[in-house]
Amino acid sequence: MGFKNYNMIFLKFIKISVLFLFFSTFSMNAQTVLLYNKSGIEKVKANDFEGAIADFDQALKIEPKNDAIYVNRGMAKSKLKDYKGAEADYTKALKLKEDANTYYARAAIRSELSDHKGVLEDLEKSGEDKAKQPGFYMMRAISKAMLQDEKGAIEDLSKAIDLKPESSKAYYMRAMVFVSLKFNKEGCKDLEKARLLGHPKAVDMIAQYCQ
């Protein structure tokens, strides 16, 4: 066997060794990311949100394009009322991968930040499944009311009530929109329904608007 053949065998050995090292490192990194992510999720469940964020930070240092970990970190930040930080993480996740659930989560955060146009935009992209839930319509109703679309807010709250007739919150919210429009008769009817369903503020509002 000539020198050239030995050289070729040696080069193949080097290539195989490099590939093995690459895949071994890749596998170790992937495993480390999984462990940090799992630890972060467990800490969220235990209400250790700062600890969870620290774990998600470590995972993202290794794998900065993992959309799921941005979502998880955003959730942990939202629990600490770091709404700006949560919004930023959800936005990063959506840039990496569009996802209906992430749009819905960001809509909820934008509601906390009073970005009501942003809420409506995100809810439009949150999928048909979310549009079957009363919470979807209540969130959208709040933003519509804040943007002075009271008619749209009433329509959405009526849909929420259709989906969940026992929701004292939906009746109370619709009552407040009616009252803001000086439709006290309709508002008081909803307030009474909210009272019967146990809403804690209904009695005071009845005393204020329905006497």
Protein backbone atom coordinates (compact mmCIF):
# COMPACT_ATOMS: atom_id res chain seq x y z
CA MET A 1 0.00 0.00 0.00
CA GLY A 2 1.46 3.33 -1.09
CA PHE A 3 1.93 6.50 0.90
CA LYS A 4 -1.04 8.10 -0.90
CA ASN A 5 -3.36 5.31 0.25
CA TYR A 6 -2.19 5.66 3.86
CA ASN A 7 -2.78 9.40 3.58
CA MET A 8 -6.32 8.88 2.29
CA ILE A 9 -7.08 6.43 5.09
CA PHE A 10 -5.69 8.90 7.62
CA LEU A 11 -7.82 11.74 6.21
CA LYS A 12 -10.94 9.57 6.33
CA PHE A 13 -10.12 8.73 9.95
CA ILE A 14 -9.75 12.43 10.76
CA LYS A 15 -13.09 13.23 9.09
CA ILE A 16 -14.85 10.44 10.97
CA SER A 17 -13.29 11.59 14.24
CA VAL A 18 -14.36 15.19 13.65
CA LEU A 19 -17.89 14.09 12.77
CA PHE A 20 -18.05 11.92 15.87
CA LEU A 21 -16.83 14.80 18.02
CA PHE A 22 -19.36 17.16 16.40
CA PHE A 23 -22.32 14.85 16.92
CA SER A 24 -21.19 13.97 20.44
CA THR A 25 -20.98 17.67 21.33
CA PHE A 26 -24.31 18.33 19.62
CA SER A 27 -25.92 15.47 21.54
CA MET A 28 -24.48 16.68 24.85
CA ASN A 29 -25.66 20.24 24.19
CA ALA A 30 -29.14 19.06 23.24
CA GLN A 31 -29.32 16.96 26.39
CA THR A 32 -28.19 19.91 28.51
CA VAL A 33 -30.85 22.13 26.94
CA LEU A 34 -33.51 19.52 27.70
CA LEU A 35 -32.37 19.29 31.31
CA TYR A 36 -32.39 23.07 31.82
CA ASN A 37 -35.80 23.35 30.16
CA LYS A 38 -37.24 20.52 32.26
CA SER A 39 -35.81 22.06 35.42
CA GLY A 40 -37.28 25.44 34.48
CA ILE A 41 -40.72 23.93 33.92
CA GLU A 42 -40.58 22.17 37.30
CA LYS A 43 -39.63 25.44 38.98
CA VAL A 44 -42.56 27.22 37.32
CA LYS A 45 -44.85 24.53 38.75
CA ALA A 46 -43.27 25.15 42.17
CA ASN A 47 -43.78 28.94 41.79
CA ASP A 48 -40.02 29.52 41.72
CA PHE A 49 -40.27 31.84 38.75
CA GLU A 50 -36.88 33.53 39.19
CA GLY A 51 -35.19 30.13 39.36
CA ALA A 52 -37.10 29.04 36.27
CA ILE A 53 -35.97 32.10 34.34
CA ALA A 54 -32.36 31.39 35.30
CA ASP A 55 -32.69 27.85 33.91
CA PHE A 56 -34.31 29.05 30.69
CA ASP A 57 -31.52 31.64 30.35
CA GLN A 58 -28.93 28.86 30.48
CA ALA A 59 -30.82 26.78 27.92
CA LEU A 60 -31.03 29.74 25.53
CA LYS A 61 -27.30 30.41 25.81
CA ILE A 62 -26.76 26.97 24.29
CA GLU A 63 -29.71 27.00 21.90
CA PRO A 64 -30.71 30.62 21.17
CA LYS A 65 -33.15 29.70 18.41
CA ASN A 66 -35.41 27.44 20.45
CA ASP A 67 -38.86 29.04 20.23
CA ALA A 68 -40.39 26.78 22.92
CA ILE A 69 -37.92 27.96 25.56
CA TYR A 70 -38.67 31.61 24.78
CA VAL A 71 -42.35 30.80 25.32
CA ASN A 72 -41.58 29.09 28.63
CA ARG A 73 -39.43 32.00 29.81
CA GLY A 74 -42.12 34.45 28.74
CA MET A 75 -44.65 32.58 30.85
CA ALA A 76 -42.35 32.70 33.88
CA LYS A 77 -41.78 36.43 33.38
CA SER A 78 -45.52 37.04 33.15
CA LYS A 79 -45.96 35.35 36.55
CA LEU A 80 -43.57 37.96 37.98
CA LYS A 81 -45.59 40.69 36.22
CA ASP A 82 -42.64 41.46 33.96
CA TYR A 83 -45.02 42.01 31.08
CA LYS A 84 -42.54 43.85 28.88
CA GLY A 85 -40.07 41.01 29.26
CA ALA A 86 -42.76 38.42 28.59
CA GLU A 87 -43.93 40.26 25.48
CA ALA A 88 -40.35 40.41 24.18
CA ASP A 89 -39.91 36.65 24.68
CA TYR A 90 -43.19 35.80 22.96
CA THR A 91 -42.22 38.08 20.08
CA LYS A 92 -38.86 36.30 19.72
CA ALA A 93 -40.64 32.95 19.74
CA LEU A 94 -43.06 34.08 17.04
CA LYS A 95 -40.22 35.31 14.84
CA LEU A 96 -38.73 31.82 15.05
CA LYS A 97 -42.02 29.98 14.62
CA GLU A 98 -45.57 31.28 14.21
CA ASP A 99 -47.90 29.54 16.63
CA ALA A 100 -51.56 30.21 17.49
CA ASN A 101 -51.10 29.53 21.21
CA THR A 102 -48.17 31.94 21.40
CA TYR A 103 -50.21 34.65 19.70
CA TYR A 104 -52.93 34.10 22.30
CA ALA A 105 -50.42 34.27 25.15
CA ARG A 106 -48.97 37.50 23.77
CA ALA A 107 -52.49 38.93 23.40
CA ALA A 108 -53.04 38.38 27.14
CA ILE A 109 -49.76 40.13 27.92
CA ARG A 110 -50.59 43.03 25.61
CA SER A 111 -53.91 43.38 27.40
CA GLU A 112 -51.96 43.87 30.65
CA LEU A 113 -49.84 46.49 28.86
CA SER A 114 -52.97 48.25 27.52
CA ASP A 115 -51.84 47.67 23.94
CA HIS A 116 -55.39 47.07 22.80
CA LYS A 117 -54.75 47.27 19.08
CA GLY A 118 -52.01 44.70 19.56
CA VAL A 119 -54.45 42.49 21.47
CA LEU A 120 -56.92 42.50 18.59
CA GLU A 121 -54.18 41.77 16.06
CA ASP A 122 -52.88 38.81 18.07
CA LEU A 123 -56.33 37.36 18.73
CA GLU A 124 -56.98 37.35 15.00
CA LYS A 125 -54.02 34.99 14.66
CA SER A 126 -54.74 32.81 17.67
CA GLY A 127 -56.69 30.13 15.82
CA GLU A 128 -60.22 28.76 15.62
CA ASP A 129 -59.89 26.70 18.81
CA LYS A 130 -59.37 29.80 20.95
CA ALA A 131 -62.39 31.45 19.32
CA LYS A 132 -64.52 28.70 20.89
CA GLN A 133 -63.55 29.78 24.41
CA PRO A 134 -65.34 32.45 26.46
CA GLY A 135 -62.01 33.92 27.59
CA PHE A 136 -61.20 34.82 23.99
CA TYR A 137 -64.33 36.97 23.71
CA MET A 138 -63.91 38.56 27.12
CA MET A 139 -60.35 39.57 26.35
CA ARG A 140 -61.37 40.94 22.98
CA ALA A 141 -64.34 42.76 24.53
CA ILE A 142 -62.07 44.61 26.96
CA SER A 143 -59.88 45.85 24.13
CA LYS A 144 -62.86 46.82 21.99
CA ALA A 145 -64.39 48.76 24.87
CA MET A 146 -61.10 50.54 25.53
CA LEU A 147 -60.95 51.46 21.84
CA GLN A 148 -64.51 52.84 22.15
CA ASP A 149 -66.10 50.04 20.15
CA GLU A 150 -68.78 49.44 22.78
CA LYS A 151 -71.13 47.72 20.35
CA GLY A 152 -68.41 45.22 19.43
CA ALA A 153 -67.65 44.70 23.12
CA ILE A 154 -71.30 43.91 23.90
CA GLU A 155 -71.45 41.46 20.99
CA ASP A 156 -68.33 39.68 22.22
CA LEU A 157 -69.57 39.50 25.80
CA SER A 158 -72.87 38.09 24.57
CA LYS A 159 -70.89 35.36 22.77
CA ALA A 160 -68.96 34.68 25.97
CA ILE A 161 -72.24 34.30 27.86
CA ASP A 162 -73.60 31.95 25.19
CA LEU A 163 -70.49 29.79 25.61
CA LYS A 164 -70.51 29.97 29.41
CA PRO A 165 -73.91 31.04 30.81
CA GLU A 166 -72.69 30.67 34.41
CA SER A 167 -69.96 33.30 33.99
CA SER A 168 -70.65 36.09 36.47
CA LYS A 169 -67.65 37.97 35.08
CA ALA A 170 -69.09 38.12 31.56
CA TYR A 171 -72.44 39.42 32.84
CA TYR A 172 -70.69 41.97 35.04
CA MET A 173 -68.48 43.18 32.20
CA ARG A 174 -71.42 43.53 29.83
CA ALA A 175 -73.33 45.43 32.51
CA MET A 176 -70.48 47.92 32.82
CA VAL A 177 -70.45 48.51 29.08
CA PHE A 178 -74.22 49.04 29.07
CA VAL A 179 -73.94 51.48 31.98
CA SER A 180 -71.16 53.40 30.21
CA LEU A 181 -73.60 53.89 27.32
CA LYS A 182 -76.35 55.02 29.76
CA PHE A 183 -78.34 51.84 29.05
CA ASN A 184 -78.97 51.37 32.76
CA LYS A 185 -81.99 49.10 32.33
CA GLU A 186 -79.97 46.53 30.40
CA GLY A 187 -76.99 47.08 32.68
CA CYS A 188 -79.00 46.52 35.85
CA LYS A 189 -80.49 43.33 34.43
CA ASP A 190 -76.97 42.02 33.85
CA LEU A 191 -75.81 43.19 37.27
CA GLU A 192 -78.63 41.27 38.92
CA LYS A 193 -77.66 38.17 36.98
CA ALA A 194 -74.02 38.71 38.00
CA ARG A 195 -75.13 39.03 41.64
CA LEU A 196 -77.08 35.78 41.49
CA LEU A 197 -74.01 34.08 40.03
CA GLY A 198 -71.85 35.41 42.86
CA HIS A 199 -69.85 38.28 41.39
CA PRO A 200 -68.25 40.12 44.36
CA LYS A 201 -68.75 43.65 42.97
CA ALA A 202 -72.29 43.29 41.67
CA VAL A 203 -74.08 44.38 44.88
CA ASP A 204 -72.15 47.66 45.10
CA MET A 205 -72.77 48.43 41.42
CA ILE A 206 -76.49 47.71 41.82
CA ALA A 207 -76.60 50.17 44.73
CA GLN A 208 -74.84 52.77 42.58
CA TYR A 209 -76.73 52.43 39.29
CA CYS A 210 -79.99 50.58 39.89
CA GLN A 211 -81.83 52.42 42.69
